[in-house]
Amino acid sequence: MVNTLLKISERLCIGLHAMVYLAKVYPEAKSIKELAKRVNASPAHLAKVFQQLQKAELVVATRGPKGGYALSKPPANITLLEIFEVLQHPIKEHFCLYPKPVCKGTHCIFGDMIKDITKLIKIYLSQTTLEKVKTAF
């Protein structure tokens, strides 16, 4: 069992890391096989992730021997929030740690803490671009 306050799906994790790598090599295109190797993921799983990113117009695909995926715009113009919301879900302001909320958000036993943390996460993700984090890879 993994104990974590912020649940990030495997799809989001590998998608974020692959996008950061593409930011590092921008404007080059990289194959799914190379990207999967870089982020230690299954090429088939990563291909599905990139289909979603392409549909959201965050990446472009090129065919052929030197084909692959590349960012659709400069890394400074893509936020982590955009990627998060494509691959996971939009961040709701009223988030509950309990799978089946009991208090209906009126009198949370955590007070405003969860709401405040959620707000901080959304601010961070919306203000952080691939350009800012590309050196992390």
Protein backbone atom coordinates (compact mmCIF):
# COMPACT_ATOMS: atom_id res chain seq x y z
CA MET A 1 0.00 0.00 0.00
CA VAL A 2 1.34 3.40 -0.99
CA ASN A 3 0.67 6.22 1.45
CA THR A 4 0.50 9.50 -0.37
CA LEU A 5 -1.49 12.70 -0.13
CA LEU A 6 -1.13 13.46 -3.81
CA LYS A 7 -2.17 10.50 -5.93
CA ILE A 8 -0.51 10.57 -9.33
CA SER A 9 -1.37 7.84 -11.80
CA GLU A 10 1.33 5.90 -13.60
CA ARG A 11 -0.02 7.39 -16.84
CA LEU A 12 0.57 10.91 -15.52
CA CYS A 13 3.97 10.08 -14.07
CA ILE A 14 5.39 8.63 -17.28
CA GLY A 15 3.66 11.31 -19.35
CA LEU A 16 5.16 14.15 -17.31
CA HIS A 17 8.63 12.65 -17.42
CA ALA A 18 8.46 11.99 -21.16
CA MET A 19 7.27 15.56 -21.77
CA VAL A 20 10.13 16.93 -19.67
CA TYR A 21 12.54 14.89 -21.77
CA LEU A 22 10.98 16.26 -24.97
CA ALA A 23 11.42 19.76 -23.52
CA LYS A 24 15.10 19.03 -23.00
CA VAL A 25 15.59 18.01 -26.66
CA TYR A 26 13.09 20.50 -28.15
CA PRO A 27 12.39 20.80 -31.08
CA GLU A 28 13.60 17.27 -31.86
CA ALA A 29 11.17 14.39 -32.21
CA LYS A 30 11.82 11.15 -30.35
CA SER A 31 10.37 7.70 -30.96
CA ILE A 32 8.07 6.04 -28.47
CA LYS A 33 10.70 3.34 -28.07
CA GLU A 34 13.36 5.88 -27.04
CA LEU A 35 10.97 7.80 -24.80
CA ALA A 36 9.82 4.58 -23.11
CA LYS A 37 13.42 3.62 -22.43
CA ARG A 38 14.13 7.08 -20.94
CA VAL A 39 11.17 6.93 -18.56
CA ASN A 40 11.35 3.19 -17.85
CA ALA A 41 7.89 2.45 -19.23
CA SER A 42 6.23 0.04 -21.59
CA PRO A 43 6.25 1.40 -25.18
CA ALA A 44 2.62 0.27 -25.59
CA HIS A 45 1.51 2.12 -22.44
CA LEU A 46 3.48 5.24 -23.37
CA ALA A 47 1.99 5.18 -26.90
CA LYS A 48 -1.50 5.39 -25.37
CA VAL A 49 -0.38 8.30 -23.18
CA PHE A 50 0.99 10.13 -26.21
CA GLN A 51 -2.24 9.58 -28.13
CA GLN A 52 -3.98 11.61 -25.40
CA LEU A 53 -1.28 14.28 -25.48
CA GLN A 54 -1.53 14.49 -29.26
CA LYS A 55 -5.32 14.76 -29.14
CA ALA A 56 -4.88 17.66 -26.68
CA GLU A 57 -2.40 19.23 -29.14
CA LEU A 58 0.49 19.22 -26.68
CA VAL A 59 2.61 17.04 -28.98
CA VAL A 60 2.82 16.43 -32.70
CA ALA A 61 3.62 13.14 -34.35
CA THR A 62 5.73 12.60 -37.45
CA ARG A 63 5.94 9.37 -39.38
CA GLY A 64 8.93 7.74 -40.93
CA PRO A 65 12.37 6.51 -39.90
CA LYS A 66 13.23 9.77 -38.13
CA GLY A 67 9.70 10.26 -36.89
CA GLY A 68 8.31 10.29 -33.42
CA TYR A 69 6.79 12.82 -31.08
CA ALA A 70 7.83 16.39 -30.42
CA LEU A 71 6.33 19.20 -28.38
CA SER A 72 3.76 21.17 -30.35
CA LYS A 73 5.02 24.47 -28.95
CA PRO A 74 8.04 25.74 -27.02
CA PRO A 75 8.56 24.26 -23.53
CA ALA A 76 7.98 27.71 -21.99
CA ASN A 77 4.41 27.58 -23.34
CA ILE A 78 3.36 24.25 -21.81
CA THR A 79 2.50 24.08 -18.12
CA LEU A 80 2.52 21.04 -15.89
CA LEU A 81 -1.15 21.78 -15.18
CA GLU A 82 -2.04 21.30 -18.86
CA ILE A 83 -0.38 17.89 -18.86
CA PHE A 84 -1.89 16.98 -15.49
CA GLU A 85 -5.41 17.80 -16.63
CA VAL A 86 -5.06 15.89 -19.91
CA LEU A 87 -3.64 12.73 -18.35
CA GLN A 88 -5.29 12.68 -14.94
CA HIS A 89 -8.26 15.00 -14.39
CA PRO A 90 -9.04 18.65 -13.76
CA ILE A 91 -8.14 19.63 -10.20
CA LYS A 92 -11.26 20.23 -8.15
CA GLU A 93 -11.19 22.86 -5.44
CA HIS A 94 -13.25 20.73 -3.06
CA PHE A 95 -11.21 17.59 -2.71
CA CYS A 96 -11.79 14.96 -0.04
CA LEU A 97 -9.27 12.38 1.12
CA TYR A 98 -12.05 9.94 1.87
CA PRO A 99 -13.28 7.92 -1.14
CA LYS A 100 -16.92 8.34 -0.06
CA PRO A 101 -17.21 11.77 1.57
CA VAL A 102 -19.03 11.78 4.89
CA CYS A 103 -19.16 15.48 5.77
CA LYS A 104 -20.16 16.74 2.31
CA GLY A 105 -17.44 19.40 2.57
CA THR A 106 -19.29 21.53 5.10
CA HIS A 107 -17.28 20.75 8.25
CA CYS A 108 -14.15 18.86 7.26
CA ILE A 109 -12.15 17.41 10.14
CA PHE A 110 -9.06 18.84 8.42
CA GLY A 111 -10.53 22.34 8.32
CA ASP A 112 -9.32 24.29 5.28
CA MET A 113 -6.01 22.40 5.07
CA ILE A 114 -6.99 20.13 2.14
CA LYS A 115 -8.51 23.06 0.23
CA ASP A 116 -5.37 25.14 0.85
CA ILE A 117 -3.02 22.34 -0.23
CA THR A 118 -5.08 21.73 -3.37
CA LYS A 119 -4.94 25.44 -4.20
CA LEU A 120 -1.15 25.49 -3.73
CA ILE A 121 -0.71 22.44 -5.96
CA LYS A 122 -2.83 24.03 -8.69
CA ILE A 123 -0.88 27.28 -8.46
CA TYR A 124 2.43 25.43 -8.68
CA LEU A 125 1.34 23.33 -11.65
CA SER A 126 -0.12 26.33 -13.50
CA GLN A 127 3.01 28.45 -12.97
CA THR A 128 5.55 25.73 -13.75
CA THR A 129 6.40 25.21 -17.40
CA LEU A 130 8.35 22.42 -19.03
CA GLU A 131 11.09 25.01 -19.61
CA LYS A 132 11.48 25.50 -15.85
CA VAL A 133 11.83 21.79 -15.09
CA LYS A 134 13.65 20.45 -18.12
CA THR A 135 17.01 20.48 -16.33
CA ALA A 136 15.60 17.97 -13.82
CA PHE A 137 15.82 15.19 -16.41
